[in-house]
Amino acid sequence: MSVCKSVLLIPVFLRMRPSNFPTVRLAQLAALIALSEHLFSKIKEAKSVNEVMKMLNVTANDYWHYHYRLGELADYKAKVLGRQMIENIMVNTIVPLLFAYGLYTKDQRYKDKAIDWLVQIAPEANNITKQWKAHGIENSNAVHSQALLELKKSYCDEKRCLDCAAGNKILKGAAL
């Protein structure tokens, strides 16, 4: 006779800032869903990236102002999405979704709008983009950031430096 053990799924909170806890992020997502009727239609109709970013500027339910985890009281702190998180959502969710919609519907306007929004969003600042900057590579908007991340993934990580113009110049010690 086999014994079936139930597994309690507990979110891992190690090495994570409290504002980024999954419980808080889920509460913020719930607030976005509750406040946004026809969200995708509004995104498609938006005239500017700032208009969409305002839609994403939500605050979690009042309960979460005093909690980071369910049932564990904490000091008051409003749980709002910061500008960097909103830009991250734009770059990694909204823009790809809008571009994919343009591909699916064969409507160039949505693809153009997605690319235009990426140009308007600040560049990501992370270890990878900092390494590129150290080699003199420009990173002035989210289009550049995404390109640099893709170059690293497709060329650097795969050790294909000789197939990459930037990699070739870096290996030769030439200024980019």
C-alpha atoms as a PDB file:
ATOM      1  CA  MET A   1       0.000   0.000   0.000  1.00  0.00           C
ATOM      2  CA  SER A   2       1.537   3.313  -1.027  1.00  0.00           C
ATOM      3  CA  VAL A   3       1.453   6.357   1.159  1.00  0.00           C
ATOM      4  CA  CYS A   4       0.507   9.580  -0.571  1.00  0.00           C
ATOM      5  CA  LYS A   5       2.058  12.653   0.995  1.00  0.00           C
ATOM      6  CA  SER A   6       0.452  15.972   0.302  1.00  0.00           C
ATOM      7  CA  VAL A   7       2.872  18.667  -0.689  1.00  0.00           C
ATOM      8  CA  LEU A   8       2.286  22.142   0.651  1.00  0.00           C
ATOM      9  CA  LEU A   9       3.432  24.678  -1.888  1.00  0.00           C
ATOM     10  CA  ILE A  10       5.060  27.594  -0.099  1.00  0.00           C
ATOM     11  CA  PRO A  11       6.397  30.522  -2.107  1.00  0.00           C
ATOM     12  CA  VAL A  12      10.116  31.068  -1.720  1.00  0.00           C
ATOM     13  CA  PHE A  13      10.913  34.521  -0.342  1.00  0.00           C
ATOM     14  CA  LEU A  14      14.685  34.184   0.074  1.00  0.00           C
ATOM     15  CA  ARG A  15      16.930  36.896  -1.406  1.00  0.00           C
ATOM     16  CA  MET A  16      13.890  38.900  -2.417  1.00  0.00           C
ATOM     17  CA  ARG A  17      12.904  42.380  -1.329  1.00  0.00           C
ATOM     18  CA  PRO A  18       9.528  42.392   0.442  1.00  0.00           C
ATOM     19  CA  SER A  19       7.979  44.648  -2.206  1.00  0.00           C
ATOM     20  CA  ASN A  20       8.762  41.941  -4.772  1.00  0.00           C
ATOM     21  CA  PHE A  21       7.227  39.062  -2.819  1.00  0.00           C
ATOM     22  CA  PRO A  22       4.969  36.919  -5.025  1.00  0.00           C
ATOM     23  CA  THR A  23       2.047  37.605  -2.697  1.00  0.00           C
ATOM     24  CA  VAL A  24       2.383  41.361  -3.242  1.00  0.00           C
ATOM     25  CA  ARG A  25       2.848  40.990  -7.008  1.00  0.00           C
ATOM     26  CA  LEU A  26      -0.260  38.789  -7.225  1.00  0.00           C
ATOM     27  CA  ALA A  27      -2.233  41.386  -5.252  1.00  0.00           C
ATOM     28  CA  GLN A  28      -1.047  44.077  -7.683  1.00  0.00           C
ATOM     29  CA  LEU A  29      -2.036  41.910 -10.646  1.00  0.00           C
ATOM     30  CA  ALA A  30      -5.454  41.366  -9.076  1.00  0.00           C
ATOM     31  CA  ALA A  31      -5.838  45.142  -8.666  1.00  0.00           C
ATOM     32  CA  LEU A  32      -4.895  45.681 -12.320  1.00  0.00           C
ATOM     33  CA  ILE A  33      -7.430  43.097 -13.470  1.00  0.00           C
ATOM     34  CA  ALA A  34     -10.150  44.486 -11.199  1.00  0.00           C
ATOM     35  CA  LEU A  35      -9.600  48.064 -12.384  1.00  0.00           C
ATOM     36  CA  SER A  36      -9.080  47.372 -16.072  1.00  0.00           C
ATOM     37  CA  GLU A  37     -12.061  46.424 -18.128  1.00  0.00           C
ATOM     38  CA  HIS A  38     -11.055  45.580 -21.710  1.00  0.00           C
ATOM     39  CA  LEU A  39      -7.376  46.151 -20.903  1.00  0.00           C
ATOM     40  CA  PHE A  40      -6.001  44.791 -24.170  1.00  0.00           C
ATOM     41  CA  SER A  41      -8.390  46.950 -26.203  1.00  0.00           C
ATOM     42  CA  LYS A  42      -7.238  49.997 -24.241  1.00  0.00           C
ATOM     43  CA  ILE A  43      -3.606  49.074 -24.858  1.00  0.00           C
ATOM     44  CA  LYS A  44      -4.231  48.688 -28.594  1.00  0.00           C
ATOM     45  CA  GLU A  45      -5.976  52.063 -28.723  1.00  0.00           C
ATOM     46  CA  ALA A  46      -3.386  53.905 -26.601  1.00  0.00           C
ATOM     47  CA  LYS A  47      -1.684  56.784 -28.378  1.00  0.00           C
ATOM     48  CA  SER A  48       1.481  56.807 -26.265  1.00  0.00           C
ATOM     49  CA  VAL A  49       3.632  54.595 -24.102  1.00  0.00           C
ATOM     50  CA  ASN A  50       2.937  56.916 -21.153  1.00  0.00           C
ATOM     51  CA  GLU A  51      -0.782  56.284 -21.521  1.00  0.00           C
ATOM     52  CA  VAL A  52      -0.221  52.533 -21.104  1.00  0.00           C
ATOM     53  CA  MET A  53       2.217  53.067 -18.243  1.00  0.00           C
ATOM     54  CA  LYS A  54      -0.484  55.040 -16.418  1.00  0.00           C
ATOM     55  CA  MET A  55      -2.834  52.065 -16.829  1.00  0.00           C
ATOM     56  CA  LEU A  56      -0.233  49.862 -15.131  1.00  0.00           C
ATOM     57  CA  ASN A  57       0.203  52.278 -12.232  1.00  0.00           C
ATOM     58  CA  VAL A  58      -2.012  50.372  -9.775  1.00  0.00           C
ATOM     59  CA  THR A  59      -2.016  50.033  -6.008  1.00  0.00           C
ATOM     60  CA  ALA A  60      -2.755  46.739  -4.283  1.00  0.00           C
ATOM     61  CA  ASN A  61      -5.774  46.359  -2.005  1.00  0.00           C
ATOM     62  CA  ASP A  62      -5.616  48.114   1.398  1.00  0.00           C
ATOM     63  CA  TYR A  63      -4.968  44.782   3.124  1.00  0.00           C
ATOM     64  CA  TRP A  64      -1.578  44.658   1.413  1.00  0.00           C
ATOM     65  CA  HIS A  65      -0.550  48.069   2.739  1.00  0.00           C
ATOM     66  CA  TYR A  66      -0.100  46.282   6.080  1.00  0.00           C
ATOM     67  CA  HIS A  67       1.069  42.869   4.834  1.00  0.00           C
ATOM     68  CA  TYR A  68       3.741  41.282   2.659  1.00  0.00           C
ATOM     69  CA  ARG A  69       2.557  37.731   3.365  1.00  0.00           C
ATOM     70  CA  LEU A  70      -0.917  36.471   4.090  1.00  0.00           C
ATOM     71  CA  GLY A  71      -1.749  36.727   7.776  1.00  0.00           C
ATOM     72  CA  GLU A  72       1.543  38.368   8.795  1.00  0.00           C
ATOM     73  CA  LEU A  73       1.046  41.978   9.871  1.00  0.00           C
ATOM     74  CA  ALA A  74       3.732  44.489   8.829  1.00  0.00           C
ATOM     75  CA  ASP A  75       4.288  48.233   9.042  1.00  0.00           C
ATOM     76  CA  TYR A  76       2.267  50.367   6.634  1.00  0.00           C
ATOM     77  CA  LYS A  77       3.672  50.727   3.119  1.00  0.00           C
ATOM     78  CA  ALA A  78       1.531  51.344   0.069  1.00  0.00           C
ATOM     79  CA  LYS A  79       2.137  48.591  -2.469  1.00  0.00           C
ATOM     80  CA  VAL A  80       2.422  50.385  -5.800  1.00  0.00           C
ATOM     81  CA  LEU A  81       4.311  49.371  -8.905  1.00  0.00           C
ATOM     82  CA  GLY A  82       7.429  51.474  -9.355  1.00  0.00           C
ATOM     83  CA  ARG A  83       8.454  53.023 -12.651  1.00  0.00           C
ATOM     84  CA  GLN A  84      11.188  50.428 -13.211  1.00  0.00           C
ATOM     85  CA  MET A  85       8.736  47.532 -12.722  1.00  0.00           C
ATOM     86  CA  ILE A  86       6.205  49.182 -15.037  1.00  0.00           C
ATOM     87  CA  GLU A  87       8.906  49.598 -17.697  1.00  0.00           C
ATOM     88  CA  ASN A  88       9.893  45.963 -17.190  1.00  0.00           C
ATOM     89  CA  ILE A  89       6.274  44.876 -17.741  1.00  0.00           C
ATOM     90  CA  MET A  90       6.105  47.065 -20.837  1.00  0.00           C
ATOM     91  CA  VAL A  91       9.318  45.657 -22.324  1.00  0.00           C
ATOM     92  CA  ASN A  92       8.735  42.005 -21.469  1.00  0.00           C
ATOM     93  CA  THR A  93       4.946  41.687 -21.725  1.00  0.00           C
ATOM     94  CA  ILE A  94       2.996  44.537 -23.315  1.00  0.00           C
ATOM     95  CA  VAL A  95       5.305  45.310 -26.250  1.00  0.00           C
ATOM     96  CA  PRO A  96       5.801  41.644 -27.295  1.00  0.00           C
ATOM     97  CA  LEU A  97       2.046  41.029 -26.981  1.00  0.00           C
ATOM     98  CA  LEU A  98       1.208  44.069 -29.114  1.00  0.00           C
ATOM     99  CA  PHE A  99       3.829  43.100 -31.706  1.00  0.00           C
ATOM    100  CA  ALA A 100       2.537  39.500 -31.805  1.00  0.00           C
ATOM    101  CA  TYR A 101      -0.994  40.828 -32.264  1.00  0.00           C
ATOM    102  CA  GLY A 102       0.231  42.866 -35.225  1.00  0.00           C
ATOM    103  CA  LEU A 103       1.821  39.747 -36.714  1.00  0.00           C
ATOM    104  CA  TYR A 104      -1.322  37.686 -36.129  1.00  0.00           C
ATOM    105  CA  THR A 105      -3.671  40.271 -37.640  1.00  0.00           C
ATOM    106  CA  LYS A 106      -1.146  41.272 -40.320  1.00  0.00           C
ATOM    107  CA  ASP A 107      -1.548  44.877 -39.166  1.00  0.00           C
ATOM    108  CA  GLN A 108       1.716  46.802 -39.407  1.00  0.00           C
ATOM    109  CA  ARG A 109       0.376  49.640 -37.212  1.00  0.00           C
ATOM    110  CA  TYR A 110       0.580  47.502 -34.071  1.00  0.00           C
ATOM    111  CA  LYS A 111       4.083  46.268 -34.878  1.00  0.00           C
ATOM    112  CA  ASP A 112       5.235  49.847 -35.519  1.00  0.00           C
ATOM    113  CA  LYS A 113       3.588  51.049 -32.305  1.00  0.00           C
ATOM    114  CA  ALA A 114       5.332  48.290 -30.309  1.00  0.00           C
ATOM    115  CA  ILE A 115       8.763  49.220 -31.694  1.00  0.00           C
ATOM    116  CA  ASP A 116       8.069  52.943 -31.192  1.00  0.00           C
ATOM    117  CA  TRP A 117       7.183  52.301 -27.548  1.00  0.00           C
ATOM    118  CA  LEU A 118      10.432  50.378 -27.017  1.00  0.00           C
ATOM    119  CA  VAL A 119      12.362  53.379 -28.343  1.00  0.00           C
ATOM    120  CA  GLN A 120      10.589  55.610 -25.800  1.00  0.00           C
ATOM    121  CA  ILE A 121      11.301  53.364 -22.777  1.00  0.00           C
ATOM    122  CA  ALA A 122      14.484  53.857 -20.774  1.00  0.00           C
ATOM    123  CA  PRO A 123      17.217  51.241 -21.245  1.00  0.00           C
ATOM    124  CA  GLU A 124      17.593  48.381 -18.821  1.00  0.00           C
ATOM    125  CA  ALA A 125      20.529  48.698 -16.473  1.00  0.00           C
ATOM    126  CA  ASN A 126      21.814  45.276 -15.477  1.00  0.00           C
ATOM    127  CA  ASN A 127      25.095  43.378 -15.389  1.00  0.00           C
ATOM    128  CA  ILE A 128      24.910  42.491 -19.068  1.00  0.00           C
ATOM    129  CA  THR A 129      24.232  46.029 -20.313  1.00  0.00           C
ATOM    130  CA  LYS A 130      26.933  47.352 -17.962  1.00  0.00           C
ATOM    131  CA  GLN A 131      29.439  44.971 -19.543  1.00  0.00           C
ATOM    132  CA  TRP A 132      28.516  46.236 -23.005  1.00  0.00           C
ATOM    133  CA  LYS A 133      28.846  49.825 -21.803  1.00  0.00           C
ATOM    134  CA  ALA A 134      32.344  49.029 -20.494  1.00  0.00           C
ATOM    135  CA  HIS A 135      33.226  48.090 -24.091  1.00  0.00           C
ATOM    136  CA  GLY A 136      31.867  51.383 -25.396  1.00  0.00           C
ATOM    137  CA  ILE A 137      28.535  50.084 -26.710  1.00  0.00           C
ATOM    138  CA  GLU A 138      25.657  52.592 -26.573  1.00  0.00           C
ATOM    139  CA  ASN A 139      22.522  51.710 -24.616  1.00  0.00           C
ATOM    140  CA  SER A 140      20.122  54.636 -24.883  1.00  0.00           C
ATOM    141  CA  ASN A 141      16.688  52.963 -24.903  1.00  0.00           C
ATOM    142  CA  ALA A 142      14.891  49.639 -24.461  1.00  0.00           C
ATOM    143  CA  VAL A 143      15.475  48.688 -28.110  1.00  0.00           C
ATOM    144  CA  HIS A 144      19.227  48.861 -27.508  1.00  0.00           C
ATOM    145  CA  SER A 145      18.933  46.953 -24.200  1.00  0.00           C
ATOM    146  CA  GLN A 146      16.953  44.147 -25.787  1.00  0.00           C
ATOM    147  CA  ALA A 147      19.407  43.959 -28.691  1.00  0.00           C
ATOM    148  CA  LEU A 148      22.382  43.772 -26.320  1.00  0.00           C
ATOM    149  CA  LEU A 149      20.723  41.037 -24.261  1.00  0.00           C
ATOM    150  CA  GLU A 150      20.014  39.073 -27.432  1.00  0.00           C
ATOM    151  CA  LEU A 151      23.595  39.523 -28.691  1.00  0.00           C
ATOM    152  CA  LYS A 152      24.929  38.148 -25.423  1.00  0.00           C
ATOM    153  CA  LYS A 153      22.547  35.193 -25.502  1.00  0.00           C
ATOM    154  CA  SER A 154      23.041  34.336 -29.172  1.00  0.00           C
ATOM    155  CA  TYR A 155      26.727  35.106 -29.555  1.00  0.00           C
ATOM    156  CA  CYS A 156      28.621  35.515 -26.274  1.00  0.00           C
ATOM    157  CA  ASP A 157      26.955  32.650 -24.409  1.00  0.00           C
ATOM    158  CA  GLU A 158      27.338  30.415 -27.473  1.00  0.00           C
ATOM    159  CA  LYS A 159      31.001  31.473 -27.884  1.00  0.00           C
ATOM    160  CA  ARG A 160      30.340  32.736 -31.405  1.00  0.00           C
ATOM    161  CA  CYS A 161      32.491  35.859 -31.052  1.00  0.00           C
ATOM    162  CA  LEU A 162      33.914  35.512 -34.556  1.00  0.00           C
ATOM    163  CA  ASP A 163      30.386  35.560 -36.034  1.00  0.00           C
ATOM    164  CA  CYS A 164      29.631  38.860 -34.271  1.00  0.00           C
ATOM    165  CA  ALA A 165      30.887  42.253 -35.452  1.00  0.00           C
ATOM    166  CA  ALA A 166      31.100  43.579 -31.886  1.00  0.00           C
ATOM    167  CA  GLY A 167      32.810  40.406 -30.685  1.00  0.00           C
ATOM    168  CA  ASN A 168      35.366  40.632 -33.490  1.00  0.00           C
ATOM    169  CA  LYS A 169      36.237  44.215 -32.620  1.00  0.00           C
ATOM    170  CA  ILE A 170      36.496  43.440 -28.913  1.00  0.00           C
ATOM    171  CA  LEU A 171      38.806  40.492 -29.622  1.00  0.00           C
ATOM    172  CA  LYS A 172      40.974  42.618 -31.894  1.00  0.00           C
ATOM    173  CA  GLY A 173      41.120  45.334 -29.236  1.00  0.00           C
ATOM    174  CA  ALA A 174      39.720  47.892 -31.637  1.00  0.00           C
ATOM    175  CA  ALA A 175      37.530  50.727 -30.474  1.00  0.00           C
ATOM    176  CA  LEU A 176      33.860  50.212 -31.143  1.00  0.00           C
END
